[in-house]
């Protein structure tokens, strides 16, 4: 990823809520691009109020609905709105938008 853009991504607009660098593990559940169910540990590297950038080993399809379980508890549904291999580390990254309008601050239960 050069200059903060993703390969093949449309012209970038400034995010409505800035993404902040973080480093925490979370569990991601969903289906691979091939339709196989998965549940893996992944790493959130940036978060905003309603989204995140996650480093993940599974191949997840653009537009997929996934379930995130952060270390601080609760389960959050998210839609995958970006998928790319980062040139700086060679790892698969996904961008997600949380389904709840309250994002990471949604009430659980």
Protein backbone atom coordinates (compact mmCIF):
# COMPACT_ATOMS: atom_id res chain seq x y z
CA UNK A 1 0.00 0.00 0.00
CA UNK A 2 1.62 3.21 -1.10
CA UNK A 3 0.54 6.69 -0.09
CA UNK A 4 -2.35 5.35 1.98
CA UNK A 5 -4.36 4.04 -0.98
CA UNK A 6 -5.49 0.52 -1.76
CA UNK A 7 -4.74 -0.99 -5.15
CA UNK A 8 -7.83 -0.88 -7.36
CA UNK A 9 -9.75 1.30 -4.91
CA UNK A 10 -11.82 4.18 -6.26
CA UNK A 11 -10.66 7.74 -5.57
CA UNK A 12 -10.29 8.13 -1.83
CA UNK A 13 -12.54 10.38 0.19
CA UNK A 14 -11.52 11.52 3.65
CA UNK A 15 -13.06 9.22 6.28
CA UNK A 16 -16.04 10.60 8.16
CA UNK A 17 -14.43 9.43 11.37
CA UNK A 18 -10.61 9.26 11.41
CA UNK A 19 -9.00 5.85 11.90
CA UNK A 20 -6.63 5.60 14.83
CA UNK A 21 -3.67 3.18 14.95
CA UNK A 22 -4.24 0.35 17.45
CA UNK A 23 -2.95 -3.16 18.00
CA UNK A 24 -5.32 -5.70 19.53
CA UNK A 25 -6.41 -9.24 18.76
CA UNK A 26 -10.00 -10.12 17.98
CA UNK A 27 -11.86 -13.19 16.78
CA UNK A 28 -13.36 -12.97 13.30
CA UNK A 29 -16.09 -15.38 12.14
CA UNK A 30 -17.65 -15.70 8.72
CA UNK A 31 -17.24 -17.47 5.40
CA UNK A 32 -14.20 -17.47 3.14
CA UNK A 33 -14.47 -16.19 -0.42
CA UNK A 34 -15.00 -19.87 -1.34
CA UNK A 35 -17.96 -20.26 1.06
CA UNK A 36 -16.14 -22.23 3.79
CA UNK A 37 -17.00 -21.20 7.39
CA UNK A 38 -14.09 -19.91 9.48
CA UNK A 39 -13.35 -18.62 12.98
CA UNK A 40 -9.86 -17.13 13.37
CA UNK A 41 -7.83 -14.79 15.52
CA UNK A 42 -6.92 -11.60 13.65
CA UNK A 43 -5.34 -8.25 14.46
CA UNK A 44 -7.05 -4.85 14.40
CA UNK A 45 -4.48 -2.26 13.34
CA UNK A 46 -6.71 0.80 12.89
CA UNK A 47 -10.15 1.65 14.24
CA UNK A 48 -12.66 4.44 13.86
CA UNK A 49 -16.03 4.88 15.53
CA UNK A 50 -17.74 2.68 12.93
CA UNK A 51 -15.00 0.67 11.25
CA UNK A 52 -11.59 -0.93 11.31
CA UNK A 53 -8.67 -2.24 9.33
CA UNK A 54 -7.94 -5.85 10.22
CA UNK A 55 -5.00 -8.11 9.31
CA UNK A 56 -6.40 -11.60 8.67
CA UNK A 57 -5.09 -14.85 7.20
CA UNK A 58 -8.41 -16.00 5.71
CA UNK A 59 -9.50 -14.90 2.23
CA UNK A 60 -12.70 -12.94 2.83
CA UNK A 61 -14.86 -11.62 -0.02
CA UNK A 62 -15.66 -7.96 -0.52
CA UNK A 63 -19.20 -7.37 0.74
CA UNK A 64 -19.17 -10.32 3.15
CA UNK A 65 -20.91 -9.99 6.54
CA UNK A 66 -18.61 -11.10 9.38
CA UNK A 67 -18.80 -11.26 13.17
CA UNK A 68 -16.11 -9.63 15.33
CA UNK A 69 -15.43 -10.50 18.98
CA UNK A 70 -13.04 -7.91 20.47
CA UNK A 71 -11.02 -8.64 23.64
CA UNK A 72 -13.21 -6.27 25.66
CA UNK A 73 -16.29 -8.43 25.04
CA UNK A 74 -19.42 -8.40 22.96
CA UNK A 75 -19.98 -9.42 19.35
CA UNK A 76 -20.25 -6.95 16.50
CA UNK A 77 -21.47 -7.55 12.97
CA UNK A 78 -19.48 -5.89 10.20
CA UNK A 79 -19.53 -5.65 6.41
CA UNK A 80 -16.26 -6.06 4.53
CA UNK A 81 -15.78 -2.94 2.39
CA UNK A 82 -12.15 -3.40 1.35
CA UNK A 83 -9.82 -6.35 0.70
CA UNK A 84 -6.14 -6.06 -0.23
CA UNK A 85 -2.65 -7.44 0.24
CA UNK A 86 -0.52 -4.71 1.81
CA UNK A 87 2.72 -4.16 -0.10
CA UNK A 88 4.61 -3.19 3.06
CA UNK A 89 4.05 -6.50 4.88
CA UNK A 90 2.61 -8.86 2.24
CA UNK A 91 -0.33 -9.72 4.50
CA UNK A 92 -4.05 -9.74 3.76
CA UNK A 93 -5.96 -6.74 5.12
CA UNK A 94 -9.68 -6.07 5.20
CA UNK A 95 -11.55 -2.86 5.84
CA UNK A 96 -14.83 -3.26 7.69
CA UNK A 97 -17.81 -1.07 8.48
CA UNK A 98 -19.65 -2.01 11.65
CA UNK A 99 -23.36 -2.64 11.11
CA UNK A 100 -24.51 -0.87 14.30
CA UNK A 101 -24.69 2.90 13.98
CA UNK A 102 -23.08 3.06 17.44
CA UNK A 103 -20.10 1.08 16.14
CA UNK A 104 -17.66 -0.14 18.78
CA UNK A 105 -19.82 1.54 21.43
CA UNK A 106 -22.99 -0.49 20.67
CA UNK A 107 -24.73 -1.85 23.75
CA UNK A 108 -24.44 -5.61 24.06
CA UNK A 109 -27.19 -7.96 25.23
